[in-house]
PDB file of all heavy atoms in Angstrom:
ATOM      1  N   GLY A   1     129.685   4.147  27.574  1.00  0.00           N
ATOM      2  CA  GLY A   1     128.262   3.761  27.885  1.00  0.00           C
ATOM      3  C   GLY A   1     127.394   4.973  28.059  1.00  0.00           C
ATOM      4  O   GLY A   1     127.918   6.194  28.068  1.00  0.00           O
ATOM      5  N   TYR A   2     126.159   4.878  28.273  1.00  0.00           N
ATOM      6  CA  TYR A   2     125.261   6.033  28.477  1.00  0.00           C
ATOM      7  C   TYR A   2     124.009   5.637  29.204  1.00  0.00           C
ATOM      8  O   TYR A   2     123.882   4.433  29.702  1.00  0.00           O
ATOM      9  CB  TYR A   2     124.849   6.624  27.168  1.00  0.00           C
ATOM     10  CG  TYR A   2     124.163   5.781  26.189  1.00  0.00           C
ATOM     11  CD1 TYR A   2     122.768   5.581  26.223  1.00  0.00           C
ATOM     12  CD2 TYR A   2     124.756   5.223  25.091  1.00  0.00           C
ATOM     13  CE1 TYR A   2     122.069   4.833  25.329  1.00  0.00           C
ATOM     14  CE2 TYR A   2     124.127   4.413  24.165  1.00  0.00           C
ATOM     15  CZ  TYR A   2     122.806   4.274  24.318  1.00  0.00           C
ATOM     16  OH  TYR A   2     122.070   3.406  23.487  1.00  0.00           O
ATOM     17  N   THR A   3     123.105   6.582  29.442  1.00  0.00           N
ATOM     18  CA  THR A   3     121.929   6.466  30.338  1.00  0.00           C
ATOM     19  C   THR A   3     122.416   6.406  31.821  1.00  0.00           C
ATOM     20  O   THR A   3     121.864   5.711  32.576  1.00  0.00           O
ATOM     21  CB  THR A   3     121.048   5.241  29.981  1.00  0.00           C
ATOM     22  OG1 THR A   3     120.895   5.172  28.563  1.00  0.00           O
ATOM     23  CG2 THR A   3     119.674   5.397  30.609  1.00  0.00           C
ATOM     24  N   THR A   4     123.466   7.226  32.148  1.00  0.00           N
ATOM     25  CA  THR A   4     123.944   7.137  33.509  1.00  0.00           C
ATOM     26  C   THR A   4     122.806   7.743  34.390  1.00  0.00           C
ATOM     27  O   THR A   4     122.357   8.879  34.210  1.00  0.00           O
ATOM     28  CB  THR A   4     125.180   7.982  33.673  1.00  0.00           C
ATOM     29  OG1 THR A   4     126.196   7.421  32.776  1.00  0.00           O
ATOM     30  CG2 THR A   4     125.655   7.942  35.101  1.00  0.00           C
ATOM     31  N   ALA A   5     122.420   6.947  35.354  1.00  0.00           N
ATOM     32  CA  ALA A   5     121.444   7.388  36.302  1.00  0.00           C
ATOM     33  C   ALA A   5     121.575   6.699  37.619  1.00  0.00           C
ATOM     34  O   ALA A   5     122.354   5.688  37.724  1.00  0.00           O
ATOM     35  CB  ALA A   5     120.019   7.131  35.781  1.00  0.00           C
ATOM     36  N   SER A   6     120.871   7.095  38.642  1.00  0.00           N
ATOM     37  CA  SER A   6     121.035   6.599  40.000  1.00  0.00           C
ATOM     38  C   SER A   6     120.266   5.385  40.185  1.00  0.00           C
ATOM     39  O   SER A   6     119.161   5.112  39.649  1.00  0.00           O
ATOM     40  CB  SER A   6     120.761   7.632  41.052  1.00  0.00           C
ATOM     41  OG  SER A   6     119.408   8.012  40.965  1.00  0.00           O
ATOM     42  N   VAL A   7     120.797   4.542  41.232  1.00  0.00           N
ATOM     43  CA  VAL A   7     120.141   3.355  41.658  1.00  0.00           C
ATOM     44  C   VAL A   7     119.642   3.572  43.052  1.00  0.00           C
ATOM     45  O   VAL A   7     120.313   4.064  43.918  1.00  0.00           O
ATOM     46  CB  VAL A   7     121.163   2.163  41.710  1.00  0.00           C
ATOM     47  CG1 VAL A   7     120.577   0.972  42.382  1.00  0.00           C
ATOM     48  CG2 VAL A   7     121.552   1.792  40.209  1.00  0.00           C
ATOM     49  N   ALA A   8     118.364   3.229  43.293  1.00  0.00           N
ATOM     50  CA  ALA A   8     117.789   3.402  44.528  1.00  0.00           C
ATOM     51  C   ALA A   8     118.218   2.370  45.633  1.00  0.00           C
ATOM     52  O   ALA A   8     118.508   2.689  46.764  1.00  0.00           O
ATOM     53  CB  ALA A   8     116.242   3.434  44.518  1.00  0.00           C
ATOM     54  N   SER A   9     118.338   1.140  45.129  1.00  0.00           N
ATOM     55  CA  SER A   9     118.738   0.041  46.070  1.00  0.00           C
ATOM     56  C   SER A   9     119.215  -1.160  45.270  1.00  0.00           C
ATOM     57  O   SER A   9     118.826  -1.331  44.133  1.00  0.00           O
ATOM     58  CB  SER A   9     117.499  -0.342  46.984  1.00  0.00           C
ATOM     59  OG  SER A   9     116.525  -1.027  46.216  1.00  0.00           O
ATOM     60  N   ILE A  10     120.154  -2.002  45.953  1.00  0.00           N
ATOM     61  CA  ILE A  10     120.485  -3.211  45.430  1.00  0.00           C
ATOM     62  C   ILE A  10     120.433  -4.264  46.553  1.00  0.00           C
ATOM     63  O   ILE A  10     120.978  -4.060  47.623  1.00  0.00           O
ATOM     64  CB  ILE A  10     121.948  -3.142  44.867  1.00  0.00           C
ATOM     65  CG1 ILE A  10     122.020  -2.287  43.620  1.00  0.00           C
ATOM     66  CG2 ILE A  10     122.346  -4.588  44.501  1.00  0.00           C
ATOM     67  CD1 ILE A  10     123.354  -2.142  43.015  1.00  0.00           C
ATOM     68  N   THR A  11     119.749  -5.347  46.327  1.00  0.00           N
ATOM     69  CA  THR A  11     119.617  -6.473  47.338  1.00  0.00           C
ATOM     70  C   THR A  11     120.002  -7.720  46.666  1.00  0.00           C
ATOM     71  O   THR A  11     119.924  -7.932  45.425  1.00  0.00           O
ATOM     72  CB  THR A  11     118.211  -6.507  47.891  1.00  0.00           C
ATOM     73  OG1 THR A  11     117.350  -6.751  46.790  1.00  0.00           O
ATOM     74  CG2 THR A  11     117.835  -5.186  48.659  1.00  0.00           C
ATOM     75  N   ARG A  12     120.497  -8.677  47.525  1.00  0.00           N
ATOM     76  CA  ARG A  12     120.877 -10.007  46.948  1.00  0.00           C
ATOM     77  C   ARG A  12     120.130 -11.051  47.756  1.00  0.00           C
ATOM     78  O   ARG A  12     120.101 -11.094  48.935  1.00  0.00           O
ATOM     79  CB  ARG A  12     122.397 -10.172  46.947  1.00  0.00           C
ATOM     80  CG  ARG A  12     122.874 -11.554  46.467  1.00  0.00           C
ATOM     81  CD  ARG A  12     124.336 -11.770  46.645  1.00  0.00           C
ATOM     82  NE  ARG A  12     124.726 -11.594  48.049  1.00  0.00           N
ATOM     83  CZ  ARG A  12     124.748 -12.719  48.906  1.00  0.00           C
ATOM     84  NH1 ARG A  12     124.320 -13.890  48.446  1.00  0.00           N
ATOM     85  NH2 ARG A  12     125.165 -12.554  50.132  1.00  0.00           N
ATOM     86  N   SER A  13     119.681 -12.111  47.000  1.00  0.00           N
ATOM     87  CA  SER A  13     119.085 -13.247  47.624  1.00  0.00           C
ATOM     88  C   SER A  13     119.728 -14.431  46.895  1.00  0.00           C
ATOM     89  O   SER A  13     119.443 -14.776  45.673  1.00  0.00           O
ATOM     90  CB  SER A  13     117.521 -13.324  47.520  1.00  0.00           C
ATOM     91  OG  SER A  13     117.119 -14.537  48.093  1.00  0.00           O
ATOM     92  N   GLY A  14     120.636 -15.154  47.584  1.00  0.00           N
ATOM     93  CA  GLY A  14     121.525 -16.141  46.843  1.00  0.00           C
ATOM     94  C   GLY A  14     122.260 -15.518  45.728  1.00  0.00           C
ATOM     95  O   GLY A  14     123.040 -14.596  45.903  1.00  0.00           O
ATOM     96  N   SER A  15     122.117 -16.166  44.586  1.00  0.00           N
ATOM     97  CA  SER A  15     122.886 -15.457  43.382  1.00  0.00           C
ATOM     98  C   SER A  15     122.090 -14.527  42.596  1.00  0.00           C
ATOM     99  O   SER A  15     122.663 -14.008  41.624  1.00  0.00           O
ATOM    100  CB  SER A  15     123.290 -16.691  42.428  1.00  0.00           C
ATOM    101  OG  SER A  15     122.122 -17.395  41.953  1.00  0.00           O
ATOM    102  N   THR A  16     120.817 -14.219  42.938  1.00  0.00           N
ATOM    103  CA  THR A  16     120.060 -13.287  42.282  1.00  0.00           C
ATOM    104  C   THR A  16     120.048 -11.982  42.944  1.00  0.00           C
ATOM    105  O   THR A  16     119.834 -11.751  44.068  1.00  0.00           O
ATOM    106  CB  THR A  16     118.491 -13.642  42.290  1.00  0.00           C
ATOM    107  OG1 THR A  16     118.440 -14.901  41.611  1.00  0.00           O
ATOM    108  CG2 THR A  16     117.634 -12.720  41.540  1.00  0.00           C
ATOM    109  N   VAL A  17     120.542 -10.894  42.136  1.00  0.00           N
ATOM    110  CA  VAL A  17     120.628  -9.533  42.559  1.00  0.00           C
ATOM    111  C   VAL A  17     119.466  -8.733  42.002  1.00  0.00           C
ATOM    112  O   VAL A  17     119.233  -8.792  40.820  1.00  0.00           O
ATOM    113  CB  VAL A  17     121.981  -8.921  42.147  1.00  0.00           C
ATOM    114  CG1 VAL A  17     122.036  -7.460  42.580  1.00  0.00           C
ATOM    115  CG2 VAL A  17     123.096  -9.707  42.798  1.00  0.00           C
ATOM    116  N   THR A  18     118.840  -8.044  42.850  1.00  0.00           N
ATOM    117  CA  THR A  18     117.663  -7.153  42.359  1.00  0.00           C
ATOM    118  C   THR A  18     118.040  -5.687  42.481  1.00  0.00           C
ATOM    119  O   THR A  18     118.523  -5.228  43.573  1.00  0.00           O
ATOM    120  CB  THR A  18     116.430  -7.408  43.274  1.00  0.00           C
ATOM    121  OG1 THR A  18     116.029  -8.765  43.128  1.00  0.00           O
ATOM    122  CG2 THR A  18     115.243  -6.559  42.830  1.00  0.00           C
ATOM    123  N   VAL A  19     117.968  -4.982  41.401  1.00  0.00           N
ATOM    124  CA  VAL A  19     118.290  -3.561  41.336  1.00  0.00           C
ATOM    125  C   VAL A  19     117.059  -2.739  41.121  1.00  0.00           C
ATOM    126  O   VAL A  19     116.317  -2.939  40.141  1.00  0.00           O
ATOM    127  CB  VAL A  19     119.278  -3.378  40.130  1.00  0.00           C
ATOM    128  CG1 VAL A  19     119.696  -1.807  40.081  1.00  0.00           C
ATOM    129  CG2 VAL A  19     120.562  -4.195  40.270  1.00  0.00           C
ATOM    130  N   THR A  20     116.745  -1.780  41.933  1.00  0.00           N
ATOM    131  CA  THR A  20     115.752  -0.955  41.907  1.00  0.00           C
ATOM    132  C   THR A  20     116.270   0.518  41.500  1.00  0.00           C
ATOM    133  O   THR A  20     117.092   1.009  42.105  1.00  0.00           O
ATOM    134  CB  THR A  20     114.940  -0.794  43.197  1.00  0.00           C
ATOM    135  OG1 THR A  20     114.490  -2.111  43.595  1.00  0.00           O
ATOM    136  CG2 THR A  20     113.712   0.143  43.023  1.00  0.00           C
ATOM    137  N   LEU A  21     115.748   1.087  40.434  1.00  0.00           N
ATOM    138  CA  LEU A  21     116.182   2.369  39.807  1.00  0.00           C
ATOM    139  C   LEU A  21     115.468   3.533  40.547  1.00  0.00           C
ATOM    140  O   LEU A  21     114.328   3.370  40.996  1.00  0.00           O
ATOM    141  CB  LEU A  21     115.912   2.397  38.394  1.00  0.00           C
ATOM    142  CG  LEU A  21     116.438   1.223  37.558  1.00  0.00           C
ATOM    143  CD1 LEU A  21     116.195   1.375  36.068  1.00  0.00           C
ATOM    144  CD2 LEU A  21     117.992   1.098  37.776  1.00  0.00           C
ATOM    145  N   SER A  22     116.106   4.620  40.637  1.00  0.00           N
ATOM    146  CA  SER A  22     115.509   5.794  41.233  1.00  0.00           C
ATOM    147  C   SER A  22     114.418   6.425  40.304  1.00  0.00           C
ATOM    148  O   SER A  22     113.512   7.066  40.781  1.00  0.00           O
ATOM    149  CB  SER A  22     116.626   6.801  41.454  1.00  0.00           C
ATOM    150  OG  SER A  22     117.555   6.388  42.470  1.00  0.00           O
ATOM    151  N   ALA A  23     114.595   6.254  39.077  1.00  0.00           N
ATOM    152  CA  ALA A  23     113.608   6.678  37.992  1.00  0.00           C
ATOM    153  C   ALA A  23     113.372   5.621  36.992  1.00  0.00           C
ATOM    154  O   ALA A  23     114.275   4.874  36.674  1.00  0.00           O
ATOM    155  CB  ALA A  23     114.154   7.977  37.384  1.00  0.00           C
ATOM    156  N   ALA A  24     112.110   5.633  36.450  1.00  0.00           N
ATOM    157  CA  ALA A  24     111.817   4.558  35.474  1.00  0.00           C
ATOM    158  C   ALA A  24     112.568   4.679  34.267  1.00  0.00           C
ATOM    159  O   ALA A  24     112.960   5.807  33.806  1.00  0.00           O
ATOM    160  CB  ALA A  24     110.300   4.630  35.219  1.00  0.00           C
ATOM    161  N   ASN A  25     112.931   3.557  33.668  1.00  0.00           N
ATOM    162  CA  ASN A  25     113.580   3.505  32.292  1.00  0.00           C
ATOM    163  C   ASN A  25     112.877   2.367  31.579  1.00  0.00           C
ATOM    164  O   ASN A  25     113.184   1.133  31.764  1.00  0.00           O
ATOM    165  CB  ASN A  25     115.140   3.264  32.479  1.00  0.00           C
ATOM    166  CG  ASN A  25     115.814   3.127  31.171  1.00  0.00           C
ATOM    167  OD1 ASN A  25     115.237   3.170  30.152  1.00  0.00           O
ATOM    168  ND2 ASN A  25     117.158   3.016  31.180  1.00  0.00           N
ATOM    169  N   SER A  26     112.085   2.746  30.659  1.00  0.00           N
ATOM    170  CA  SER A  26     111.302   1.761  29.952  1.00  0.00           C
ATOM    171  C   SER A  26     111.978   1.303  28.626  1.00  0.00           C
ATOM    172  O   SER A  26     111.451   0.472  27.930  1.00  0.00           O
ATOM    173  CB  SER A  26     109.909   2.381  29.469  1.00  0.00           C
ATOM    174  OG  SER A  26     110.125   3.533  28.694  1.00  0.00           O
ATOM    175  N   THR A  27     113.235   1.775  28.414  1.00  0.00           N
ATOM    176  CA  THR A  27     113.986   1.322  27.215  1.00  0.00           C
ATOM    177  C   THR A  27     114.951   0.170  27.450  1.00  0.00           C
ATOM    178  O   THR A  27     115.521  -0.372  26.499  1.00  0.00           O
ATOM    179  CB  THR A  27     114.715   2.498  26.666  1.00  0.00           C
ATOM    180  OG1 THR A  27     115.741   2.958  27.525  1.00  0.00           O
ATOM    181  CG2 THR A  27     113.861   3.742  26.366  1.00  0.00           C
ATOM    182  N   LEU A  28     115.044  -0.206  28.682  1.00  0.00           N
ATOM    183  CA  LEU A  28     115.955  -1.421  28.979  1.00  0.00           C
ATOM    184  C   LEU A  28     115.031  -2.601  28.667  1.00  0.00           C
ATOM    185  O   LEU A  28     113.827  -2.687  28.978  1.00  0.00           O
ATOM    186  CB  LEU A  28     116.353  -1.381  30.412  1.00  0.00           C
ATOM    187  CG  LEU A  28     117.388  -0.383  30.922  1.00  0.00           C
ATOM    188  CD1 LEU A  28     117.526  -0.465  32.367  1.00  0.00           C
ATOM    189  CD2 LEU A  28     118.707  -0.643  30.210  1.00  0.00           C
ATOM    190  N   VAL A  29     115.685  -3.692  28.091  1.00  0.00           N
ATOM    191  CA  VAL A  29     115.022  -4.901  27.861  1.00  0.00           C
ATOM    192  C   VAL A  29     115.915  -6.121  28.338  1.00  0.00           C
ATOM    193  O   VAL A  29     117.023  -6.019  28.485  1.00  0.00           O
ATOM    194  CB  VAL A  29     114.763  -5.078  26.311  1.00  0.00           C
ATOM    195  CG1 VAL A  29     113.931  -4.049  25.774  1.00  0.00           C
ATOM    196  CG2 VAL A  29     116.027  -5.119  25.517  1.00  0.00           C
ATOM    197  N   THR A  30     115.151  -7.159  28.568  1.00  0.00           N
ATOM    198  CA  THR A  30     115.843  -8.433  29.000  1.00  0.00           C
ATOM    199  C   THR A  30     116.914  -8.824  27.941  1.00  0.00           C
ATOM    200  O   THR A  30     116.672  -8.871  26.750  1.00  0.00           O
ATOM    201  CB  THR A  30     114.833  -9.592  29.167  1.00  0.00           C
ATOM    202  OG1 THR A  30     113.988  -9.208  30.255  1.00  0.00           O
ATOM    203  CG2 THR A  30     115.602 -10.820  29.500  1.00  0.00           C
ATOM    204  N   GLY A  31     118.166  -9.120  28.473  1.00  0.00           N
ATOM    205  CA  GLY A  31     119.237  -9.402  27.630  1.00  0.00           C
ATOM    206  C   GLY A  31     120.220  -8.297  27.490  1.00  0.00           C
ATOM    207  O   GLY A  31     121.389  -8.480  26.993  1.00  0.00           O
ATOM    208  N   ASP A  32     119.851  -7.055  27.871  1.00  0.00           N
ATOM    209  CA  ASP A  32     120.709  -5.878  27.807  1.00  0.00           C
ATOM    210  C   ASP A  32     121.851  -6.119  28.869  1.00  0.00           C
ATOM    211  O   ASP A  32     121.722  -6.869  29.773  1.00  0.00           O
ATOM    212  CB  ASP A  32     119.990  -4.634  28.132  1.00  0.00           C
ATOM    213  CG  ASP A  32     119.334  -3.969  26.911  1.00  0.00           C
ATOM    214  OD1 ASP A  32     119.468  -4.525  25.822  1.00  0.00           O
ATOM    215  OD2 ASP A  32     118.533  -2.998  27.123  1.00  0.00           O
ATOM    216  N   TYR A  33     122.929  -5.425  28.628  1.00  0.00           N
ATOM    217  CA  TYR A  33     124.130  -5.421  29.565  1.00  0.00           C
ATOM    218  C   TYR A  33     124.208  -3.999  30.132  1.00  0.00           C
ATOM    219  O   TYR A  33     124.166  -2.964  29.386  1.00  0.00           O
ATOM    220  CB  TYR A  33     125.439  -5.770  28.873  1.00  0.00           C
ATOM    221  CG  TYR A  33     125.467  -7.195  28.417  1.00  0.00           C
ATOM    222  CD1 TYR A  33     124.864  -7.599  27.212  1.00  0.00           C
ATOM    223  CD2 TYR A  33     126.077  -8.220  29.163  1.00  0.00           C
ATOM    224  CE1 TYR A  33     124.955  -8.909  26.791  1.00  0.00           C
ATOM    225  CE2 TYR A  33     126.172  -9.511  28.790  1.00  0.00           C
ATOM    226  CZ  TYR A  33     125.576  -9.804  27.544  1.00  0.00           C
ATOM    227  OH  TYR A  33     125.628 -11.139  27.222  1.00  0.00           O
ATOM    228  N   VAL A  34     124.197  -3.992  31.441  1.00  0.00           N
ATOM    229  CA  VAL A  34     124.299  -2.664  32.113  1.00  0.00           C
ATOM    230  C   VAL A  34     125.630  -2.709  33.051  1.00  0.00           C
ATOM    231  O   VAL A  34     126.159  -3.802  33.382  1.00  0.00           O
ATOM    232  CB  VAL A  34     123.164  -2.336  33.053  1.00  0.00           C
ATOM    233  CG1 VAL A  34     121.868  -2.319  32.221  1.00  0.00           C
ATOM    234  CG2 VAL A  34     123.070  -3.322  34.172  1.00  0.00           C
ATOM    235  N   LYS A  35     126.180  -1.513  33.250  1.00  0.00           N
ATOM    236  CA  LYS A  35     127.352  -1.353  34.075  1.00  0.00           C
ATOM    237  C   LYS A  35     127.062  -0.650  35.349  1.00  0.00           C
ATOM    238  O   LYS A  35     126.441   0.420  35.280  1.00  0.00           O
ATOM    239  CB  LYS A  35     128.384  -0.552  33.307  1.00  0.00           C
ATOM    240  CG  LYS A  35     129.761  -0.495  34.008  1.00  0.00           C
ATOM    241  CD  LYS A  35     130.886   0.096  33.132  1.00  0.00           C
ATOM    242  CE  LYS A  35     132.195   0.143  33.839  1.00  0.00           C
ATOM    243  NZ  LYS A  35     133.218   0.642  32.970  1.00  0.00           N
ATOM    244  N   LEU A  36     127.265  -1.337  36.502  1.00  0.00           N
ATOM    245  CA  LEU A  36     127.021  -0.721  37.803  1.00  0.00           C
ATOM    246  C   LEU A  36     128.434  -0.219  38.334  1.00  0.00           C
ATOM    247  O   LEU A  36     129.390  -0.842  38.133  1.00  0.00           O
ATOM    248  CB  LEU A  36     126.466  -1.632  38.764  1.00  0.00           C
ATOM    249  CG  LEU A  36     125.098  -2.334  38.453  1.00  0.00           C
ATOM    250  CD1 LEU A  36     124.722  -3.393  39.484  1.00  0.00           C
ATOM    251  CD2 LEU A  36     124.053  -1.226  38.371  1.00  0.00           C
ATOM    252  N   SER A  37     128.253   1.003  39.048  1.00  0.00           N
ATOM    253  CA  SER A  37     129.518   1.496  39.655  1.00  0.00           C
ATOM    254  C   SER A  37     129.089   2.325  40.957  1.00  0.00           C
ATOM    255  O   SER A  37     127.946   2.651  41.116  1.00  0.00           O
ATOM    256  CB  SER A  37     130.194   2.506  38.793  1.00  0.00           C
ATOM    257  OG  SER A  37     129.398   3.586  38.402  1.00  0.00           O
ATOM    258  N   GLY A  38     130.066   2.429  41.839  1.00  0.00           N
ATOM    259  CA  GLY A  38     129.820   3.191  43.009  1.00  0.00           C
ATOM    260  C   GLY A  38     129.374   2.390  44.279  1.00  0.00           C
ATOM    261  O   GLY A  38     129.296   3.039  45.379  1.00  0.00           O
ATOM    262  N   ALA A  39     129.255   1.093  44.105  1.00  0.00           N
ATOM    263  CA  ALA A  39     128.857   0.319  45.347  1.00  0.00           C
ATOM    264  C   ALA A  39     130.127   0.064  46.192  1.00  0.00           C
ATOM    265  O   ALA A  39     131.158  -0.308  45.751  1.00  0.00           O
ATOM    266  CB  ALA A  39     128.224  -1.088  44.907  1.00  0.00           C
ATOM    267  N   VAL A  40     129.876   0.342  47.518  1.00  0.00           N
ATOM    268  CA  VAL A  40     131.029   0.053  48.439  1.00  0.00           C
ATOM    269  C   VAL A  40     131.428  -1.418  48.440  1.00  0.00           C
ATOM    270  O   VAL A  40     132.567  -1.828  48.397  1.00  0.00           O
ATOM    271  CB  VAL A  40     130.646   0.492  49.866  1.00  0.00           C
ATOM    272  CG1 VAL A  40     131.618   0.064  50.860  1.00  0.00           C
ATOM    273  CG2 VAL A  40     130.406   1.965  49.898  1.00  0.00           C
ATOM    274  N   GLU A  41     130.415  -2.295  48.306  1.00  0.00           N
ATOM    275  CA  GLU A  41     130.613  -3.700  48.152  1.00  0.00           C
ATOM    276  C   GLU A  41     130.940  -3.996  46.698  1.00  0.00           C
ATOM    277  O   GLU A  41     130.047  -4.158  45.808  1.00  0.00           O
ATOM    278  CB  GLU A  41     129.317  -4.458  48.515  1.00  0.00           C
ATOM    279  CG  GLU A  41     128.923  -4.260  49.957  1.00  0.00           C
ATOM    280  CD  GLU A  41     128.204  -2.921  50.239  1.00  0.00           C
ATOM    281  OE1 GLU A  41     127.812  -2.280  49.202  1.00  0.00           O
ATOM    282  OE2 GLU A  41     128.073  -2.505  51.416  1.00  0.00           O
TER     283      GLU A  41
END
């Protein structure tokens, strides 16, 4: 994978998880697959 960058926050409401990035990435589009790592949870 690539575009490794930091996540500012992750919150969950029910089954919906919201990820806020530390820096903007305008090349991601709906339907893409991303890999998250480093969460204690």
